[in-house]
Amino acid sequence: MSYIINLVIGFNPDEGAIYIVSNPNTKVILAKPANRLFIELIENAGNIVTRETLLNNVWGSHGFAASNSNLNNYISLLRKSISSLGI
């Protein structure tokens, strides 16, 4: 399943790729934690998601240690990845 965000950004969670809808050849591949985080944020769009929920769903349930620092870093990485597409 792929997602289209604001008719501008495409996201293919199977590949972990974000791209501009008008130019799908230009894409950025996300690290696995960033991919899981983006999925969580998209699936909960319009809802408040606690840090604890994100930490558990993105790291804890996959057997990794979760920390606020990890979450902050991957939010920053998602922003930079989207910016690198020129958005």
PDB file of N, CA and C in Angstrom:
ATOM      1  N   MET A   1       0.836  -1.173   0.000  1.00  0.00           N
ATOM      2  CA  MET A   1       0.000   0.000   0.000  1.00  0.00           C
ATOM      3  C   MET A   1       0.886   1.243   0.000  1.00  0.00           C
ATOM      4  N   SER A   2       0.556   2.193  -0.819  1.00  0.00           N
ATOM      5  CA  SER A   2       1.268   3.462  -0.851  1.00  0.00           C
ATOM      6  C   SER A   2       0.351   4.564  -0.348  1.00  0.00           C
ATOM      7  N   TYR A   3       0.962   5.617   0.150  1.00  0.00           N
ATOM      8  CA  TYR A   3       0.218   6.764   0.652  1.00  0.00           C
ATOM      9  C   TYR A   3       0.571   7.991  -0.180  1.00  0.00           C
ATOM     10  N   ILE A   4      -0.402   8.858  -0.368  1.00  0.00           N
ATOM     11  CA  ILE A   4      -0.196  10.155  -1.003  1.00  0.00           C
ATOM     12  C   ILE A   4      -0.563  11.199   0.050  1.00  0.00           C
ATOM     13  N   ILE A   5       0.372  12.100   0.327  1.00  0.00           N
ATOM     14  CA  ILE A   5       0.183  13.102   1.369  1.00  0.00           C
ATOM     15  C   ILE A   5       0.059  14.470   0.712  1.00  0.00           C
ATOM     16  N   ASN A   6      -1.086  15.122   0.937  1.00  0.00           N
ATOM     17  CA  ASN A   6      -1.361  16.457   0.384  1.00  0.00           C
ATOM     18  C   ASN A   6      -1.158  16.527  -1.126  1.00  0.00           C
ATOM     19  N   LEU A   7      -1.358  15.417  -1.809  1.00  0.00           N
ATOM     20  CA  LEU A   7      -1.211  15.324  -3.262  1.00  0.00           C
ATOM     21  C   LEU A   7       0.182  15.686  -3.754  1.00  0.00           C
ATOM     22  N   VAL A   8       1.167  15.714  -2.850  1.00  0.00           N
ATOM     23  CA  VAL A   8       2.523  16.123  -3.214  1.00  0.00           C
ATOM     24  C   VAL A   8       3.541  15.024  -2.928  1.00  0.00           C
ATOM     25  N   ILE A   9       3.472  14.445  -1.740  1.00  0.00           N
ATOM     26  CA  ILE A   9       4.461  13.460  -1.306  1.00  0.00           C
ATOM     27  C   ILE A   9       3.867  12.061  -1.393  1.00  0.00           C
ATOM     28  N   GLY A  10       4.619  11.153  -1.988  1.00  0.00           N
ATOM     29  CA  GLY A  10       4.245   9.752  -1.998  1.00  0.00           C
ATOM     30  C   GLY A  10       5.099   9.008  -0.995  1.00  0.00           C
ATOM     31  N   PHE A  11       4.549   7.960  -0.418  1.00  0.00           N
ATOM     32  CA  PHE A  11       5.273   7.146   0.550  1.00  0.00           C
ATOM     33  C   PHE A  11       4.938   5.694   0.311  1.00  0.00           C
ATOM     34  N   ASN A  12       5.965   4.901   0.032  1.00  0.00           N
ATOM     35  CA  ASN A  12       5.809   3.465  -0.149  1.00  0.00           C
ATOM     36  C   ASN A  12       6.479   2.782   1.033  1.00  0.00           C
ATOM     37  N   PRO A  13       5.691   2.351   2.029  1.00  0.00           N
ATOM     38  CA  PRO A  13       6.292   1.755   3.221  1.00  0.00           C
ATOM     39  C   PRO A  13       7.015   0.433   2.958  1.00  0.00           C
ATOM     40  N   ASP A  14       6.625  -0.289   1.909  1.00  0.00           N
ATOM     41  CA  ASP A  14       7.302  -1.549   1.602  1.00  0.00           C
ATOM     42  C   ASP A  14       8.750  -1.306   1.205  1.00  0.00           C
ATOM     43  N   GLU A  15       9.006  -0.225   0.482  1.00  0.00           N
ATOM     44  CA  GLU A  15      10.363   0.151   0.091  1.00  0.00           C
ATOM     45  C   GLU A  15      11.010   1.078   1.117  1.00  0.00           C
ATOM     46  N   GLY A  16      10.177   1.705   1.945  1.00  0.00           N
ATOM     47  CA  GLY A  16      10.681   2.725   2.856  1.00  0.00           C
ATOM     48  C   GLY A  16      11.076   3.973   2.094  1.00  0.00           C
ATOM     49  N   ALA A  17      10.333   4.270   1.023  1.00  0.00           N
ATOM     50  CA  ALA A  17      10.697   5.376   0.133  1.00  0.00           C
ATOM     51  C   ALA A  17       9.664   6.483   0.175  1.00  0.00           C
ATOM     52  N   ILE A  18      10.173   7.720   0.232  1.00  0.00           N
ATOM     53  CA  ILE A  18       9.322   8.881   0.030  1.00  0.00           C
ATOM     54  C   ILE A  18       9.744   9.529  -1.283  1.00  0.00           C
ATOM     55  N   TYR A  19       8.781  10.125  -1.973  1.00  0.00           N
ATOM     56  CA  TYR A  19       9.065  10.700  -3.278  1.00  0.00           C
ATOM     57  C   TYR A  19       8.050  11.792  -3.579  1.00  0.00           C
ATOM     58  N   ILE A  20       8.358  12.590  -4.573  1.00  0.00           N
ATOM     59  CA  ILE A  20       7.423  13.599  -5.049  1.00  0.00           C
ATOM     60  C   ILE A  20       6.499  12.918  -6.053  1.00  0.00           C
ATOM     61  N   VAL A  21       5.208  13.090  -5.870  1.00  0.00           N
ATOM     62  CA  VAL A  21       4.223  12.401  -6.702  1.00  0.00           C
ATOM     63  C   VAL A  21       4.437  12.707  -8.182  1.00  0.00           C
ATOM     64  N   SER A  22       4.750  13.955  -8.498  1.00  0.00           N
ATOM     65  CA  SER A  22       4.931  14.336  -9.898  1.00  0.00           C
ATOM     66  C   SER A  22       6.235  13.815 -10.496  1.00  0.00           C
ATOM     67  N   ASN A  23       7.140  13.308  -9.642  1.00  0.00           N
ATOM     68  CA  ASN A  23       8.417  12.768 -10.115  1.00  0.00           C
ATOM     69  C   ASN A  23       8.819  11.580  -9.243  1.00  0.00           C
ATOM     70  N   PRO A  24       8.186  10.428  -9.437  1.00  0.00           N
ATOM     71  CA  PRO A  24       8.455   9.276  -8.570  1.00  0.00           C
ATOM     72  C   PRO A  24       9.861   8.702  -8.686  1.00  0.00           C
ATOM     73  N   ASN A  25      10.616   9.128  -9.697  1.00  0.00           N
ATOM     74  CA  ASN A  25      11.994   8.639  -9.821  1.00  0.00           C
ATOM     75  C   ASN A  25      12.928   9.283  -8.803  1.00  0.00           C
ATOM     76  N   THR A  26      12.539  10.439  -8.303  1.00  0.00           N
ATOM     77  CA  THR A  26      13.326  11.113  -7.274  1.00  0.00           C
ATOM     78  C   THR A  26      12.792  10.654  -5.933  1.00  0.00           C
ATOM     79  N   LYS A  27      13.544   9.791  -5.267  1.00  0.00           N
ATOM     80  CA  LYS A  27      13.048   9.290  -3.995  1.00  0.00           C
ATOM     81  C   LYS A  27      14.163   9.214  -2.970  1.00  0.00           C
ATOM     82  N   VAL A  28      13.744   9.196  -1.727  1.00  0.00           N
ATOM     83  CA  VAL A  28      14.649   9.060  -0.596  1.00  0.00           C
ATOM     84  C   VAL A  28      14.243   7.791   0.142  1.00  0.00           C
ATOM     85  N   ILE A  29      15.215   6.937   0.408  1.00  0.00           N
ATOM     86  CA  ILE A  29      14.961   5.705   1.161  1.00  0.00           C
ATOM     87  C   ILE A  29      15.206   5.988   2.638  1.00  0.00           C
ATOM     88  N   LEU A  30      14.210   5.685   3.442  1.00  0.00           N
ATOM     89  CA  LEU A  30      14.292   5.923   4.878  1.00  0.00           C
ATOM     90  C   LEU A  30      14.910   4.728   5.600  1.00  0.00           C
ATOM     91  N   ALA A  31      15.601   5.007   6.696  1.00  0.00           N
ATOM     92  CA  ALA A  31      16.075   3.939   7.574  1.00  0.00           C
ATOM     93  C   ALA A  31      14.850   3.239   8.173  1.00  0.00           C
ATOM     94  N   LYS A  32      15.000   1.999   8.571  1.00  0.00           N
ATOM     95  CA  LYS A  32      13.858   1.231   9.071  1.00  0.00           C
ATOM     96  C   LYS A  32      13.128   1.902  10.231  1.00  0.00           C
ATOM     97  N   PRO A  33      13.837   2.444  11.234  1.00  0.00           N
ATOM     98  CA  PRO A  33      13.084   3.122  12.298  1.00  0.00           C
ATOM     99  C   PRO A  33      12.323   4.349  11.780  1.00  0.00           C
ATOM    100  N   ALA A  34      12.913   5.096  10.860  1.00  0.00           N
ATOM    101  CA  ALA A  34      12.235   6.257  10.286  1.00  0.00           C
ATOM    102  C   ALA A  34      11.015   5.809   9.491  1.00  0.00           C
ATOM    103  N   ASN A  35      11.127   4.714   8.797  1.00  0.00           N
ATOM    104  CA  ASN A  35      10.009   4.158   8.039  1.00  0.00           C
ATOM    105  C   ASN A  35       8.863   3.784   8.984  1.00  0.00           C
ATOM    106  N   ARG A  36       9.186   3.065  10.070  1.00  0.00           N
ATOM    107  CA  ARG A  36       8.155   2.679  11.040  1.00  0.00           C
ATOM    108  C   ARG A  36       7.528   3.913  11.687  1.00  0.00           C
ATOM    109  N   LEU A  37       8.343   4.926  11.990  1.00  0.00           N
ATOM    110  CA  LEU A  37       7.838   6.152  12.590  1.00  0.00           C
ATOM    111  C   LEU A  37       6.889   6.869  11.630  1.00  0.00           C
ATOM    112  N   PHE A  38       7.269   6.975  10.375  1.00  0.00           N
ATOM    113  CA  PHE A  38       6.422   7.646   9.386  1.00  0.00           C
ATOM    114  C   PHE A  38       5.090   6.911   9.230  1.00  0.00           C
ATOM    115  N   ILE A  39       5.124   5.596   9.233  1.00  0.00           N
ATOM    116  CA  ILE A  39       3.888   4.798   9.165  1.00  0.00           C
ATOM    117  C   ILE A  39       2.992   5.129  10.357  1.00  0.00           C
ATOM    118  N   GLU A  40       3.567   5.145  11.553  1.00  0.00           N
ATOM    119  CA  GLU A  40       2.789   5.470  12.756  1.00  0.00           C
ATOM    120  C   GLU A  40       2.152   6.852  12.647  1.00  0.00           C
ATOM    121  N   LEU A  41       2.924   7.825  12.194  1.00  0.00           N
ATOM    122  CA  LEU A  41       2.404   9.183  12.085  1.00  0.00           C
ATOM    123  C   LEU A  41       1.298   9.275  11.038  1.00  0.00           C
ATOM    124  N   ILE A  42       1.473   8.611   9.916  1.00  0.00           N
ATOM    125  CA  ILE A  42       0.459   8.639   8.857  1.00  0.00           C
ATOM    126  C   ILE A  42      -0.812   7.934   9.311  1.00  0.00           C
ATOM    127  N   GLU A  43      -0.667   6.767   9.909  1.00  0.00           N
ATOM    128  CA  GLU A  43      -1.846   6.002  10.319  1.00  0.00           C
ATOM    129  C   GLU A  43      -2.601   6.673  11.458  1.00  0.00           C
ATOM    130  N   ASN A  44      -1.958   7.581  12.158  1.00  0.00           N
ATOM    131  CA  ASN A  44      -2.610   8.298  13.253  1.00  0.00           C
ATOM    132  C   ASN A  44      -2.833   9.766  12.920  1.00  0.00           C
ATOM    133  N   ALA A  45      -2.837  10.088  11.639  1.00  0.00           N
ATOM    134  CA  ALA A  45      -3.026  11.481  11.212  1.00  0.00           C
ATOM    135  C   ALA A  45      -4.321  12.029  11.803  1.00  0.00           C
ATOM    136  N   GLY A  46      -4.226  13.223  12.353  1.00  0.00           N
ATOM    137  CA  GLY A  46      -5.392  13.865  12.952  1.00  0.00           C
ATOM    138  C   GLY A  46      -5.623  13.485  14.401  1.00  0.00           C
ATOM    139  N   ASN A  47      -4.848  12.549  14.902  1.00  0.00           N
ATOM    140  CA  ASN A  47      -4.976  12.118  16.296  1.00  0.00           C
ATOM    141  C   ASN A  47      -3.717  12.479  17.067  1.00  0.00           C
ATOM    142  N   ILE A  48      -3.883  12.670  18.348  1.00  0.00           N
ATOM    143  CA  ILE A  48      -2.731  12.892  19.214  1.00  0.00           C
ATOM    144  C   ILE A  48      -2.129  11.535  19.549  1.00  0.00           C
ATOM    145  N   VAL A  49      -0.830  11.407  19.327  1.00  0.00           N
ATOM    146  CA  VAL A  49      -0.117  10.171  19.643  1.00  0.00           C
ATOM    147  C   VAL A  49       0.944  10.527  20.681  1.00  0.00           C
ATOM    148  N   THR A  50       0.944   9.831  21.790  1.00  0.00           N
ATOM    149  CA  THR A  50       1.906  10.140  22.843  1.00  0.00           C
ATOM    150  C   THR A  50       3.299   9.661  22.449  1.00  0.00           C
ATOM    151  N   ARG A  51       4.282  10.295  23.074  1.00  0.00           N
ATOM    152  CA  ARG A  51       5.667   9.874  22.862  1.00  0.00           C
ATOM    153  C   ARG A  51       5.827   8.407  23.254  1.00  0.00           C
ATOM    154  N   GLU A  52       5.198   8.032  24.347  1.00  0.00           N
ATOM    155  CA  GLU A  52       5.312   6.644  24.830  1.00  0.00           C
ATOM    156  C   GLU A  52       4.775   5.659  23.804  1.00  0.00           C
ATOM    157  N   THR A  53       3.663   6.014  23.165  1.00  0.00           N
ATOM    158  CA  THR A  53       3.090   5.146  22.133  1.00  0.00           C
ATOM    159  C   THR A  53       4.040   5.018  20.956  1.00  0.00           C
ATOM    160  N   LEU A  54       4.594   6.144  20.507  1.00  0.00           N
ATOM    161  CA  LEU A  54       5.543   6.101  19.398  1.00  0.00           C
ATOM    162  C   LEU A  54       6.776   5.294  19.771  1.00  0.00           C
ATOM    163  N   LEU A  55       7.314   5.529  20.963  1.00  0.00           N
ATOM    164  CA  LEU A  55       8.511   4.797  21.395  1.00  0.00           C
ATOM    165  C   LEU A  55       8.246   3.301  21.438  1.00  0.00           C
ATOM    166  N   ASN A  56       7.086   2.916  21.944  1.00  0.00           N
ATOM    167  CA  ASN A  56       6.759   1.495  22.030  1.00  0.00           C
ATOM    168  C   ASN A  56       6.532   0.882  20.645  1.00  0.00           C
ATOM    169  N   ASN A  57       5.748   1.561  19.798  1.00  0.00           N
ATOM    170  CA  ASN A  57       5.399   0.989  18.499  1.00  0.00           C
ATOM    171  C   ASN A  57       6.545   0.986  17.502  1.00  0.00           C
ATOM    172  N   VAL A  58       7.421   1.980  17.586  1.00  0.00           N
ATOM    173  CA  VAL A  58       8.509   2.086  16.612  1.00  0.00           C
ATOM    174  C   VAL A  58       9.737   1.301  17.053  1.00  0.00           C
ATOM    175  N   TRP A  59      10.027   1.286  18.339  1.00  0.00           N
ATOM    176  CA  TRP A  59      11.233   0.609  18.828  1.00  0.00           C
ATOM    177  C   TRP A  59      10.917  -0.580  19.735  1.00  0.00           C
ATOM    178  N   GLY A  60      10.191  -0.335  20.807  1.00  0.00           N
ATOM    179  CA  GLY A  60       9.966  -1.363  21.822  1.00  0.00           C
ATOM    180  C   GLY A  60       9.372  -2.655  21.299  1.00  0.00           C
ATOM    181  N   SER A  61       8.339  -2.546  20.473  1.00  0.00           N
ATOM    182  CA  SER A  61       7.684  -3.758  19.959  1.00  0.00           C
ATOM    183  C   SER A  61       8.527  -4.497  18.931  1.00  0.00           C
ATOM    184  N   HIS A  62       9.637  -3.890  18.513  1.00  0.00           N
ATOM    185  CA  HIS A  62      10.553  -4.531  17.560  1.00  0.00           C
ATOM    186  C   HIS A  62      11.833  -5.000  18.247  1.00  0.00           C
ATOM    187  N   GLY A  63      11.828  -4.944  19.585  1.00  0.00           N
ATOM    188  CA  GLY A  63      12.959  -5.457  20.347  1.00  0.00           C
ATOM    189  C   GLY A  63      14.121  -4.493  20.503  1.00  0.00           C
ATOM    190  N   PHE A  64      13.902  -3.217  20.227  1.00  0.00           N
ATOM    191  CA  PHE A  64      14.967  -2.223  20.351  1.00  0.00           C
ATOM    192  C   PHE A  64      14.722  -1.321  21.545  1.00  0.00           C
ATOM    193  N   ALA A  65      15.804  -0.810  22.109  1.00  0.00           N
ATOM    194  CA  ALA A  65      15.695   0.142  23.205  1.00  0.00           C
ATOM    195  C   ALA A  65      15.168   1.460  22.658  1.00  0.00           C
ATOM    196  N   ALA A  66      14.200   2.024  23.347  1.00  0.00           N
ATOM    197  CA  ALA A  66      13.591   3.272  22.913  1.00  0.00           C
ATOM    198  C   ALA A  66      14.029   4.399  23.835  1.00  0.00           C
ATOM    199  N   SER A  67      14.214   5.585  23.245  1.00  0.00           N
ATOM    200  CA  SER A  67      14.548   6.751  24.062  1.00  0.00           C
ATOM    201  C   SER A  67      13.980   8.001  23.401  1.00  0.00           C
ATOM    202  N   ASN A  68      13.803   9.028  24.202  1.00  0.00           N
ATOM    203  CA  ASN A  68      13.332  10.301  23.657  1.00  0.00           C
ATOM    204  C   ASN A  68      14.317  10.840  22.637  1.00  0.00           C
ATOM    205  N   SER A  69      15.592  10.607  22.869  1.00  0.00           N
ATOM    206  CA  SER A  69      16.621  11.058  21.931  1.00  0.00           C
ATOM    207  C   SER A  69      16.438  10.389  20.571  1.00  0.00           C
ATOM    208  N   ASN A  70      16.167   9.085  20.569  1.00  0.00           N
ATOM    209  CA  ASN A  70      15.913   8.374  19.301  1.00  0.00           C
ATOM    210  C   ASN A  70      14.740   9.000  18.565  1.00  0.00           C
ATOM    211  N   LEU A  71      13.666   9.235  19.286  1.00  0.00           N
ATOM    212  CA  LEU A  71      12.481   9.805  18.663  1.00  0.00           C
ATOM    213  C   LEU A  71      12.785  11.181  18.084  1.00  0.00           C
ATOM    214  N   ASN A  72      13.440  12.022  18.853  1.00  0.00           N
ATOM    215  CA  ASN A  72      13.794  13.359  18.368  1.00  0.00           C
ATOM    216  C   ASN A  72      14.670  13.282  17.119  1.00  0.00           C
ATOM    217  N   ASN A  73      15.644  12.400  17.136  1.00  0.00           N
ATOM    218  CA  ASN A  73      16.558  12.263  15.991  1.00  0.00           C
ATOM    219  C   ASN A  73      15.834  11.786  14.735  1.00  0.00           C
ATOM    220  N   TYR A  74      14.926  10.853  14.878  1.00  0.00           N
ATOM    221  CA  TYR A  74      14.233  10.336  13.704  1.00  0.00           C
ATOM    222  C   TYR A  74      13.163  11.289  13.192  1.00  0.00           C
ATOM    223  N   ILE A  75      12.571  12.087  14.064  1.00  0.00           N
ATOM    224  CA  ILE A  75      11.669  13.148  13.597  1.00  0.00           C
ATOM    225  C   ILE A  75      12.474  14.128  12.754  1.00  0.00           C
ATOM    226  N   SER A  76      13.657  14.491  13.248  1.00  0.00           N
ATOM    227  CA  SER A  76      14.542  15.401  12.507  1.00  0.00           C
ATOM    228  C   SER A  76      14.940  14.783  11.167  1.00  0.00           C
ATOM    229  N   LEU A  77      15.249  13.498  11.160  1.00  0.00           N
ATOM    230  CA  LEU A  77      15.626  12.814   9.926  1.00  0.00           C
ATOM    231  C   LEU A  77      14.475  12.819   8.919  1.00  0.00           C
ATOM    232  N   LEU A  78      13.247  12.595   9.392  1.00  0.00           N
ATOM    233  CA  LEU A  78      12.099  12.646   8.483  1.00  0.00           C
ATOM    234  C   LEU A  78      11.948  14.034   7.867  1.00  0.00           C
ATOM    235  N   ARG A  79      12.098  15.067   8.690  1.00  0.00           N
ATOM    236  CA  ARG A  79      11.998  16.436   8.176  1.00  0.00           C
ATOM    237  C   ARG A  79      13.071  16.712   7.128  1.00  0.00           C
ATOM    238  N   LYS A  80      14.312  16.294   7.411  1.00  0.00           N
ATOM    239  CA  LYS A  80      15.403  16.510   6.469  1.00  0.00           C
ATOM    240  C   LYS A  80      15.180  15.735   5.179  1.00  0.00           C
ATOM    241  N   SER A  81      14.654  14.521   5.288  1.00  0.00           N
ATOM    242  CA  SER A  81      14.385  13.708   4.097  1.00  0.00           C
ATOM    243  C   SER A  81      13.344  14.367   3.206  1.00  0.00           C
ATOM    244  N   ILE A  82      12.297  14.891   3.813  1.00  0.00           N
ATOM    245  CA  ILE A  82      11.258  15.570   3.037  1.00  0.00           C
ATOM    246  C   ILE A  82      11.834  16.853   2.434  1.00  0.00           C
ATOM    247  N   SER A  83      12.617  17.582   3.210  1.00  0.00           N
ATOM    248  CA  SER A  83      13.238  18.815   2.687  1.00  0.00           C
ATOM    249  C   SER A  83      14.173  18.529   1.528  1.00  0.00           C
ATOM    250  N   SER A  84      14.866  17.392   1.574  1.00  0.00           N
ATOM    251  CA  SER A  84      15.804  17.068   0.493  1.00  0.00           C
ATOM    252  C   SER A  84      15.089  16.851  -0.843  1.00  0.00           C
ATOM    253  N   LEU A  85      13.789  16.611  -0.791  1.00  0.00           N
ATOM    254  CA  LEU A  85      13.003  16.474  -2.015  1.00  0.00           C
ATOM    255  C   LEU A  85      12.586  17.826  -2.576  1.00  0.00           C
ATOM    256  N   GLY A  86      12.929  18.885  -1.843  1.00  0.00           N
ATOM    257  CA  GLY A  86      12.583  20.226  -2.291  1.00  0.00           C
ATOM    258  C   GLY A  86      11.256  20.719  -1.773  1.00  0.00           C
ATOM    259  N   ILE A  87      10.756  20.079  -0.749  1.00  0.00           N
ATOM    260  CA  ILE A  87       9.462  20.463  -0.180  1.00  0.00           C
ATOM    261  C   ILE A  87       9.705  21.202   1.125  1.00  0.00           C
TER     262      ILE A  87
END
